[in-house]
Protein backbone atom coordinates (compact mmCIF):
# COMPACT_ATOMS: atom_id res chain seq x y z
CA UNK A 1 151.40 84.15 81.10
CA UNK A 2 149.01 84.14 83.87
CA UNK A 3 149.12 81.94 86.76
CA UNK A 4 146.76 80.26 89.06
CA UNK A 5 146.97 78.08 91.96
CA UNK A 6 143.85 76.36 94.03
CA UNK A 7 140.82 78.30 95.76
CA UNK A 8 141.06 79.01 99.31
CA UNK A 9 138.49 75.68 100.65
CA UNK A 10 136.13 76.49 103.11
CA UNK A 11 133.45 74.21 105.09
CA UNK A 12 130.48 74.83 107.22
CA UNK A 13 131.81 73.67 109.88
CA UNK A 14 134.11 77.09 109.92
CA UNK A 15 132.74 79.46 112.79
CA UNK A 16 130.81 82.16 111.37
CA UNK A 17 133.45 84.63 112.29
CA UNK A 18 136.85 82.34 110.37
CA UNK A 19 134.11 82.13 107.20
CA UNK A 20 133.39 86.55 107.50
CA UNK A 21 136.98 86.96 107.85
CA UNK A 22 137.97 85.32 105.42
CA UNK A 23 135.79 86.69 103.21
CA UNK A 24 136.88 90.17 103.90
CA UNK A 25 140.54 89.30 103.23
CA UNK A 26 139.97 87.16 99.75
CA UNK A 27 136.86 88.41 98.72
CA UNK A 28 135.25 85.18 98.00
CA UNK A 29 134.35 81.40 99.64
CA UNK A 30 134.39 77.82 98.26
CA UNK A 31 132.68 76.33 100.29
CA UNK A 32 133.07 72.61 100.19
CA UNK A 33 129.70 70.98 99.22
CA UNK A 34 127.66 73.39 100.99
CA UNK A 35 124.82 71.70 98.90
CA UNK A 36 123.24 68.62 99.54
CA UNK A 37 123.45 66.62 96.65
CA UNK A 38 119.83 65.60 96.74
CA UNK A 39 119.46 69.44 96.50
CA UNK A 40 121.60 69.70 92.97
CA UNK A 41 120.62 66.57 91.73
CA UNK A 42 117.07 67.28 91.68
CA UNK A 43 117.48 70.35 89.90
CA UNK A 44 119.58 69.34 87.65
CA UNK A 45 117.24 66.79 86.28
CA UNK A 46 114.82 69.30 86.22
CA UNK A 47 116.85 71.29 83.85
CA UNK A 48 118.13 68.38 81.96
CA UNK A 49 114.55 67.57 81.19
CA UNK A 50 113.42 71.40 79.48
CA UNK A 51 117.64 70.89 77.53
CA UNK A 52 116.40 67.41 75.53
CA UNK A 53 117.20 66.98 73.20
CA UNK A 54 120.60 69.53 72.92
CA UNK A 55 121.85 68.24 76.39
CA UNK A 56 121.57 64.39 78.02
CA UNK A 57 122.96 63.19 81.58
CA UNK A 58 125.92 60.47 80.28
CA UNK A 59 125.83 58.24 83.20
CA UNK A 60 129.05 56.62 82.59
CA UNK A 61 130.94 59.74 82.63
CA UNK A 62 128.85 61.15 85.03
CA UNK A 63 128.40 64.78 83.29
CA UNK A 64 125.44 66.45 80.98
CA UNK A 65 126.97 66.02 77.65
CA UNK A 66 126.11 67.41 74.23
CA UNK A 67 124.40 65.50 71.90
CA UNK A 68 123.37 68.60 68.82
CA UNK A 69 126.04 71.66 67.76
CA UNK A 70 127.22 73.70 69.92
CA UNK A 71 125.44 76.57 70.94
CA UNK A 72 126.26 79.78 73.57
CA UNK A 73 124.25 82.30 75.28
CA UNK A 74 122.06 85.18 72.83
CA UNK A 75 122.01 82.41 70.19
CA UNK A 76 118.67 80.92 68.46
CA UNK A 77 119.39 77.58 70.60
CA UNK A 78 119.85 79.69 73.87
CA UNK A 79 117.05 81.53 73.00
CA UNK A 80 115.34 78.68 72.82
CA UNK A 81 115.96 76.57 75.62
CA UNK A 82 116.84 79.34 78.22
CA UNK A 83 112.84 80.69 78.80
CA UNK A 84 112.19 76.80 79.16
CA UNK A 85 114.85 76.88 82.16
CA UNK A 86 113.62 79.69 83.58
CA UNK A 87 110.20 78.48 84.02
CA UNK A 88 111.34 75.80 85.90
CA UNK A 89 110.08 76.40 90.18
CA UNK A 90 112.70 74.59 90.79
CA UNK A 91 115.16 76.66 89.71
CA UNK A 92 113.80 79.63 91.26
CA UNK A 93 112.98 78.40 94.71
CA UNK A 94 116.73 76.54 94.85
CA UNK A 95 117.95 79.88 96.43
CA UNK A 96 115.02 80.71 98.86
CA UNK A 97 115.24 77.50 100.63
CA UNK A 98 116.02 77.97 104.42
CA UNK A 99 119.64 76.60 103.87
CA UNK A 100 120.17 78.69 101.32
CA UNK A 101 119.31 81.46 103.81
CA UNK A 102 121.15 80.21 106.61
CA UNK A 103 124.36 80.11 105.03
CA UNK A 104 124.19 83.82 103.28
CA UNK A 105 123.08 85.42 106.99
CA UNK A 106 126.04 83.49 108.35
CA UNK A 107 128.35 85.28 105.90
CA UNK A 108 127.16 88.89 106.18
CA UNK A 109 125.90 89.08 109.65
CA UNK A 110 122.30 89.53 108.94
CA UNK A 111 119.00 89.26 107.12
CA UNK A 112 119.79 87.91 103.17
CA UNK A 113 117.58 89.03 100.30
CA UNK A 114 117.64 87.17 97.46
CA UNK A 115 117.46 89.10 93.86
CA UNK A 116 114.96 87.62 92.26
CA UNK A 117 117.14 87.81 89.34
CA UNK A 118 118.47 84.26 89.03
CA UNK A 119 120.88 82.81 85.87
CA UNK A 120 121.36 79.37 84.86
CA UNK A 121 125.11 78.81 83.07
CA UNK A 122 124.97 76.54 80.26
CA UNK A 123 128.11 76.61 78.88
CA UNK A 124 128.73 74.21 75.80
CA UNK A 125 132.15 72.86 74.48
CA UNK A 126 134.29 74.11 71.27
CA UNK A 127 132.36 77.75 71.78
CA UNK A 128 136.18 79.27 72.22
CA UNK A 129 136.15 83.18 73.22
CA UNK A 130 132.35 82.84 74.09
CA UNK A 131 133.07 82.42 78.11
CA UNK A 132 132.84 84.77 80.54
CA UNK A 133 135.29 87.81 80.10
CA UNK A 134 137.16 89.37 83.61
CA UNK A 135 134.45 91.70 85.17
CA UNK A 136 132.90 92.82 87.88
CA UNK A 137 128.96 92.06 89.68
CA UNK A 138 128.90 95.85 91.13
CA UNK A 139 129.41 96.88 87.32
CA UNK A 140 127.32 94.77 85.55
CA UNK A 141 124.60 94.71 88.56
CA UNK A 142 124.70 98.06 89.87
CA UNK A 143 125.25 96.91 93.16
CA UNK A 144 126.89 98.51 96.06
CA UNK A 145 128.95 96.14 98.82
CA UNK A 146 126.78 94.31 100.34
CA UNK A 147 125.51 92.17 97.19
CA UNK A 148 127.20 89.65 97.13
CA UNK A 149 127.18 86.43 94.03
CA UNK A 150 126.53 83.09 95.12
CA UNK A 151 127.39 80.51 92.32
CA UNK A 152 126.45 76.72 92.42
CA UNK A 153 127.59 73.42 90.70
CA UNK A 154 125.19 70.98 90.30
CA UNK A 155 127.92 68.32 89.05
CA UNK A 156 131.22 67.58 89.34
CA UNK A 157 133.30 70.41 86.81
CA UNK A 158 136.45 69.55 85.65
CA UNK A 159 139.53 71.48 84.35
CA UNK A 160 138.42 71.03 80.95
CA UNK A 161 134.39 72.14 81.16
CA UNK A 162 134.66 76.23 81.87
CA UNK A 163 135.36 76.65 85.16
CA UNK A 164 135.24 79.59 87.54
CA UNK A 165 138.18 81.43 88.30
CA UNK A 166 138.49 84.44 90.47
CA UNK A 167 141.32 87.41 91.20
CA UNK A 168 141.82 87.19 94.85
CA UNK A 169 141.86 90.59 96.82
CA UNK A 170 140.76 92.51 93.77
CA UNK A 171 136.87 93.29 95.45
CA UNK A 172 139.25 96.20 97.61
CA UNK A 173 140.54 98.91 94.31
CA UNK A 174 136.93 99.45 94.08
CA UNK A 175 134.72 99.45 90.57
CA UNK A 176 137.40 99.30 87.72
CA UNK A 177 137.11 100.99 84.53
CA UNK A 178 135.17 99.02 81.14
CA UNK A 179 135.86 98.09 77.68
CA UNK A 180 133.71 95.95 75.43
CA UNK A 181 134.97 92.60 74.86
CA UNK A 182 133.62 89.18 73.12
CA UNK A 183 132.35 86.63 75.48
CA UNK A 184 128.90 86.68 77.94
CA UNK A 185 127.79 90.15 79.31
CA UNK A 186 129.84 92.18 76.30
CA UNK A 187 132.46 93.95 78.47
CA UNK A 188 135.85 93.34 80.30
CA UNK A 189 136.86 94.65 83.73
CA UNK A 190 140.50 96.76 83.98
CA UNK A 191 143.49 93.75 84.86
CA UNK A 192 146.19 95.83 86.00
CA UNK A 193 149.75 94.40 85.00
CA UNK A 194 150.43 92.80 88.42
CA UNK A 195 147.30 90.62 88.44
CA UNK A 196 148.21 87.86 87.63
CA UNK A 197 147.38 85.03 90.34
CA UNK A 198 143.62 83.49 90.05
CA UNK A 199 142.28 81.20 92.00
CA UNK A 200 140.82 77.95 90.37
CA UNK A 201 140.03 74.81 90.51
CA UNK A 202 137.94 72.18 90.12
CA UNK A 203 134.69 71.79 91.56
CA UNK A 204 132.21 68.74 93.36
CA UNK A 205 128.74 68.92 93.24
CA UNK A 206 127.64 71.71 95.49
CA UNK A 207 130.03 73.53 96.01
CA UNK A 208 129.31 76.73 96.22
CA UNK A 209 131.38 79.88 95.24
CA UNK A 210 130.35 83.52 97.16
CA UNK A 211 132.47 86.22 95.80
CA UNK A 212 131.92 90.47 96.89
CA UNK A 213 130.29 92.16 94.27
CA UNK A 214 134.20 93.88 93.38
CA UNK A 215 135.13 90.82 93.03
CA UNK A 216 136.84 90.26 89.71
CA UNK A 217 136.22 86.90 87.97
CA UNK A 218 135.77 84.51 85.22
CA UNK A 219 135.04 81.25 83.06
CA UNK A 220 137.26 79.63 81.55
CA UNK A 221 136.62 78.04 78.33
CA UNK A 222 135.23 74.41 77.97
CA UNK A 223 137.79 72.27 75.94
CA UNK A 224 135.91 69.28 76.36
CA UNK A 225 134.90 67.27 73.56
CA UNK A 226 130.96 67.05 74.50
CA UNK A 227 130.89 67.44 78.59
CA UNK A 228 128.60 70.92 79.71
CA UNK A 229 129.10 72.48 82.17
CA UNK A 230 125.43 73.48 84.41
CA UNK A 231 125.69 75.77 87.32
CA UNK A 232 123.14 78.15 88.65
CA UNK A 233 123.67 81.48 90.49
CA UNK A 234 122.22 84.83 91.61
CA UNK A 235 123.19 87.39 93.75
CA UNK A 236 122.06 88.68 97.60
CA UNK A 237 122.53 91.78 99.56
CA UNK A 238 121.93 92.65 102.70
CA UNK A 239 117.83 93.39 103.04
CA UNK A 240 117.14 97.14 102.97
CA UNK A 241 120.27 97.91 100.63
CA UNK A 242 119.51 98.99 97.53
CA UNK A 243 118.70 97.03 94.62
CA UNK A 244 118.81 98.07 90.72
CA UNK A 245 115.32 98.02 88.82
CA UNK A 246 117.25 95.48 86.58
CA UNK A 247 117.83 92.89 88.92
CA UNK A 248 113.75 92.30 89.57
CA UNK A 249 113.42 90.87 86.07
CA UNK A 250 114.27 87.76 84.50
CA UNK A 251 117.43 86.56 83.33
CA UNK A 252 117.45 87.90 79.89
CA UNK A 253 113.60 89.52 79.77
CA UNK A 254 114.66 92.65 78.75
CA UNK A 255 115.77 91.12 75.15
CA UNK A 256 113.70 87.88 74.96
CA UNK A 257 109.80 87.97 73.84
CA UNK A 258 107.58 86.61 76.25
CA UNK A 259 110.32 86.05 79.21
CA UNK A 260 108.03 87.96 82.12
CA UNK A 261 107.58 87.03 84.99
CA UNK A 262 103.55 86.20 84.45
CA UNK A 263 104.69 83.84 82.03
CA UNK A 264 107.07 82.33 84.81
CA UNK A 265 104.64 81.78 86.69
CA UNK A 266 101.72 80.25 84.88
CA UNK A 267 102.16 76.63 85.12
CA UNK A 268 104.12 77.05 89.18
CA UNK A 269 102.04 74.30 91.65
CA UNK A 270 102.34 77.34 94.60
CA UNK A 271 101.37 80.84 94.53
CA UNK A 272 103.55 81.28 97.64
CA UNK A 273 106.59 83.99 96.94
CA UNK A 274 105.23 85.07 93.44
CA UNK A 275 106.82 88.65 93.26
CA UNK A 276 107.67 89.23 96.60
CA UNK A 277 110.43 91.95 95.59
CA UNK A 278 107.06 94.18 95.52
CA UNK A 279 107.45 94.67 98.94
CA UNK A 280 111.32 95.40 98.97
CA UNK A 281 111.94 98.92 100.31
CA UNK A 282 114.50 100.37 98.36
CA UNK A 283 114.69 99.75 94.80
CA UNK A 284 116.18 102.17 92.31
């Protein structure tokens, strides 16, 4: 039986030294409400507009809710709506704003670089077994130790909605063996017999989870009746670190027809920042 406890919580008011030491020790930081409610609400509204009629916002519950049949990453409904999310200018620019870059510079201690691949998570209820299994980004993104995952809750997330959970300290053991598994990504990394203590808790809107590339993490199943968990994430590294080529493509662009940068950029209001990675020095 897995046991769990609440995350070790950080604040933006903590010193840079405290944040870096905690990150090195635990392999993650949960920074409470690091992102303003305004930024979260703007992006969430844009995403819900293109997810309509499948997902809408319930003002009484203050949560997104499913209004049709449940769906999961890579099924027909998801493949229909996900390109529309990827085409949102606000979705891609979210992680490039000065306040975000400042946070990552504080954690990394140097100039951060944002991966082009940006990911939206739309976890609908009643799809047990399709949640993300335990894994390491070092394997799935072919990344080095300076890469960090950055995940943001766009609304409050309770225990029924498929929370993200991490295995503290697991980043210290390097990249693990993997085997095929059901769920997002299709693989699971090895979990050792003594690793039963996971960190998990409810999230508030704007909470930011930052985790080392070798940190083992997973998603809980969404067991709610109709609530949908919507979050966004990407990856950062120290500027100049090697970046594998698949991270330069749109998320799922390799399998969804016409999901490419030209189609994503087509209706953007500004060309600033488009194809910004073409000048990056170390891709392989």
